[in-house]
C-alpha atoms as a PDB file:
ATOM      1  CA  MET A   1     -19.428 -38.193  -3.308  1.00  0.00           C
ATOM      2  CA  GLY A   2     -19.822 -34.439  -3.295  1.00  0.00           C
ATOM      3  CA  ILE A   3     -19.034 -31.957  -5.991  1.00  0.00           C
ATOM      4  CA  ILE A   4     -15.832 -30.035  -5.443  1.00  0.00           C
ATOM      5  CA  SER A   5     -15.663 -26.558  -6.873  1.00  0.00           C
ATOM      6  CA  GLU A   6     -12.853 -24.082  -6.848  1.00  0.00           C
ATOM      7  CA  CYS A   7     -13.109 -20.313  -6.781  1.00  0.00           C
ATOM      8  CA  LEU A   8     -10.299 -18.304  -8.268  1.00  0.00           C
ATOM      9  CA  LYS A   9      -9.733 -14.659  -7.545  1.00  0.00           C
ATOM     10  CA  VAL A  10      -9.256 -12.893 -10.873  1.00  0.00           C
ATOM     11  CA  ASP A  11      -8.004  -9.366 -11.399  1.00  0.00           C
ATOM     12  CA  PHE A  12     -10.811  -7.222 -12.835  1.00  0.00           C
ATOM     13  CA  ASP A  13      -8.590  -5.622 -15.479  1.00  0.00           C
ATOM     14  CA  SER A  14      -7.347  -8.988 -16.762  1.00  0.00           C
ATOM     15  CA  VAL A  15     -10.842  -9.897 -17.977  1.00  0.00           C
ATOM     16  CA  ALA A  16     -11.946  -6.416 -19.002  1.00  0.00           C
ATOM     17  CA  ALA A  17     -12.868  -5.945 -22.650  1.00  0.00           C
ATOM     18  CA  GLU A  18     -10.672  -3.671 -24.747  1.00  0.00           C
ATOM     19  CA  PHE A  19     -13.252  -3.086 -27.451  1.00  0.00           C
ATOM     20  CA  ILE A  20     -17.001  -3.620 -27.780  1.00  0.00           C
ATOM     21  CA  GLU A  21     -19.097  -3.162 -30.902  1.00  0.00           C
ATOM     22  CA  LEU A  22     -22.730  -2.141 -30.325  1.00  0.00           C
ATOM     23  CA  ASN A  23     -25.439  -2.265 -32.976  1.00  0.00           C
ATOM     24  CA  PHE A  24     -28.412   0.154 -32.965  1.00  0.00           C
ATOM     25  CA  ARG A  25     -31.365   0.016 -35.354  1.00  0.00           C
ATOM     26  CA  ASP A  26     -33.761   2.793 -36.399  1.00  0.00           C
ATOM     27  CA  GLN A  27     -32.859   5.109 -33.532  1.00  0.00           C
ATOM     28  CA  TYR A  28     -31.398   8.572 -33.165  1.00  0.00           C
ATOM     29  CA  ILE A  29     -28.551   8.621 -30.669  1.00  0.00           C
ATOM     30  CA  GLY A  30     -26.645  11.791 -29.873  1.00  0.00           C
ATOM     31  CA  ARG A  31     -23.103  12.031 -28.575  1.00  0.00           C
ATOM     32  CA  SER A  32     -24.329  12.753 -25.067  1.00  0.00           C
ATOM     33  CA  ASP A  33     -26.489   9.594 -25.143  1.00  0.00           C
ATOM     34  CA  MET A  34     -23.465   7.570 -26.236  1.00  0.00           C
ATOM     35  CA  TRP A  35     -21.408   9.004 -23.381  1.00  0.00           C
ATOM     36  CA  ARG A  36     -24.129   8.294 -20.793  1.00  0.00           C
ATOM     37  CA  LEU A  37     -24.592   4.764 -22.143  1.00  0.00           C
ATOM     38  CA  LYS A  38     -20.887   4.044 -21.722  1.00  0.00           C
ATOM     39  CA  LEU A  39     -20.902   5.406 -18.159  1.00  0.00           C
ATOM     40  CA  SER A  40     -23.974   3.341 -17.243  1.00  0.00           C
ATOM     41  CA  LEU A  41     -22.347   0.126 -18.514  1.00  0.00           C
ATOM     42  CA  THR A  42     -19.072   0.587 -16.602  1.00  0.00           C
ATOM     43  CA  GLY A  43     -18.504  -2.383 -14.291  1.00  0.00           C
ATOM     44  CA  THR A  44     -21.237  -4.554 -15.824  1.00  0.00           C
ATOM     45  CA  PRO A  45     -20.680  -7.893 -17.551  1.00  0.00           C
ATOM     46  CA  VAL A  46     -21.238  -8.085 -21.326  1.00  0.00           C
ATOM     47  CA  TYR A  47     -21.203 -10.887 -23.881  1.00  0.00           C
ATOM     48  CA  THR A  48     -21.769 -11.244 -27.611  1.00  0.00           C
ATOM     49  CA  GLY A  49     -25.492 -11.101 -28.337  1.00  0.00           C
ATOM     50  CA  LYS A  50     -26.458  -9.317 -25.123  1.00  0.00           C
ATOM     51  CA  LYS A  51     -29.349  -6.882 -25.553  1.00  0.00           C
ATOM     52  CA  ILE A  52     -28.980  -3.581 -23.729  1.00  0.00           C
ATOM     53  CA  THR A  53     -31.716  -1.082 -22.892  1.00  0.00           C
ATOM     54  CA  PHE A  54     -30.732   2.385 -21.702  1.00  0.00           C
ATOM     55  CA  ALA A  55     -33.046   5.117 -20.400  1.00  0.00           C
ATOM     56  CA  GLY A  56     -36.040   3.004 -21.360  1.00  0.00           C
ATOM     57  CA  CYS A  57     -35.860   3.961 -25.033  1.00  0.00           C
ATOM     58  CA  ILE A  58     -32.383   3.265 -26.418  1.00  0.00           C
ATOM     59  CA  ARG A  59     -31.864  -0.347 -27.440  1.00  0.00           C
ATOM     60  CA  ALA A  60     -28.615  -1.915 -28.582  1.00  0.00           C
ATOM     61  CA  GLN A  61     -27.129  -5.349 -29.087  1.00  0.00           C
ATOM     62  CA  VAL A  62     -23.516  -6.348 -28.445  1.00  0.00           C
ATOM     63  CA  LYS A  63     -22.081  -7.602 -31.738  1.00  0.00           C
ATOM     64  CA  GLN A  64     -18.440  -8.174 -30.798  1.00  0.00           C
ATOM     65  CA  VAL A  65     -16.299  -8.247 -27.654  1.00  0.00           C
ATOM     66  CA  VAL A  66     -12.481  -8.128 -27.840  1.00  0.00           C
ATOM     67  CA  VAL A  67     -10.365  -9.184 -24.846  1.00  0.00           C
ATOM     68  CA  ASN A  68      -6.558  -9.283 -25.031  1.00  0.00           C
ATOM     69  CA  GLY A  69      -6.673  -8.780 -28.803  1.00  0.00           C
ATOM     70  CA  LYS A  70      -9.036 -11.699 -29.481  1.00  0.00           C
ATOM     71  CA  ALA A  71     -12.746 -11.678 -30.288  1.00  0.00           C
ATOM     72  CA  VAL A  72     -14.635 -13.628 -27.625  1.00  0.00           C
ATOM     73  CA  MET A  73     -18.239 -14.678 -27.218  1.00  0.00           C
ATOM     74  CA  ILE A  74     -18.182 -15.158 -23.481  1.00  0.00           C
ATOM     75  CA  PHE A  75     -18.657 -12.608 -20.750  1.00  0.00           C
ATOM     76  CA  SER A  76     -16.231  -9.807 -20.070  1.00  0.00           C
ATOM     77  CA  ASN A  77     -16.199  -6.804 -17.770  1.00  0.00           C
ATOM     78  CA  PHE A  78     -16.844  -3.288 -18.995  1.00  0.00           C
ATOM     79  CA  ASN A  79     -14.357  -0.725 -17.685  1.00  0.00           C
ATOM     80  CA  GLN A  80     -13.879   3.024 -18.107  1.00  0.00           C
ATOM     81  CA  TYR A  81     -11.014   2.617 -20.604  1.00  0.00           C
ATOM     82  CA  LEU A  82     -13.091   0.621 -23.058  1.00  0.00           C
ATOM     83  CA  LEU A  83     -13.387   1.678 -26.697  1.00  0.00           C
ATOM     84  CA  LEU A  84     -16.910   1.497 -28.075  1.00  0.00           C
ATOM     85  CA  MET A  85     -17.898   1.307 -31.710  1.00  0.00           C
ATOM     86  CA  TYR A  86     -21.448   2.470 -32.368  1.00  0.00           C
ATOM     87  CA  LEU A  87     -23.067   0.992 -35.484  1.00  0.00           C
ATOM     88  CA  LEU A  88     -26.122   3.083 -36.319  1.00  0.00           C
END
């Protein structure tokens, strides 16, 4: 017997995160760097614990992802309306 799988088409905005908390350690990050980081992550999948490197020198880790008002640990999409919390 073969394995039957099913693909479902899901609306991008229905799985987009509303809020993501990023943690930075021992780094200086200006407002412009924060803005560029957000733009570079738009459309990419994120999950709790994911390590992010930006511009080769800025490192962050995703601490929390909120989708539809609930904290989740699984993947979610990053859209342009997302609220970011930077923990420095």
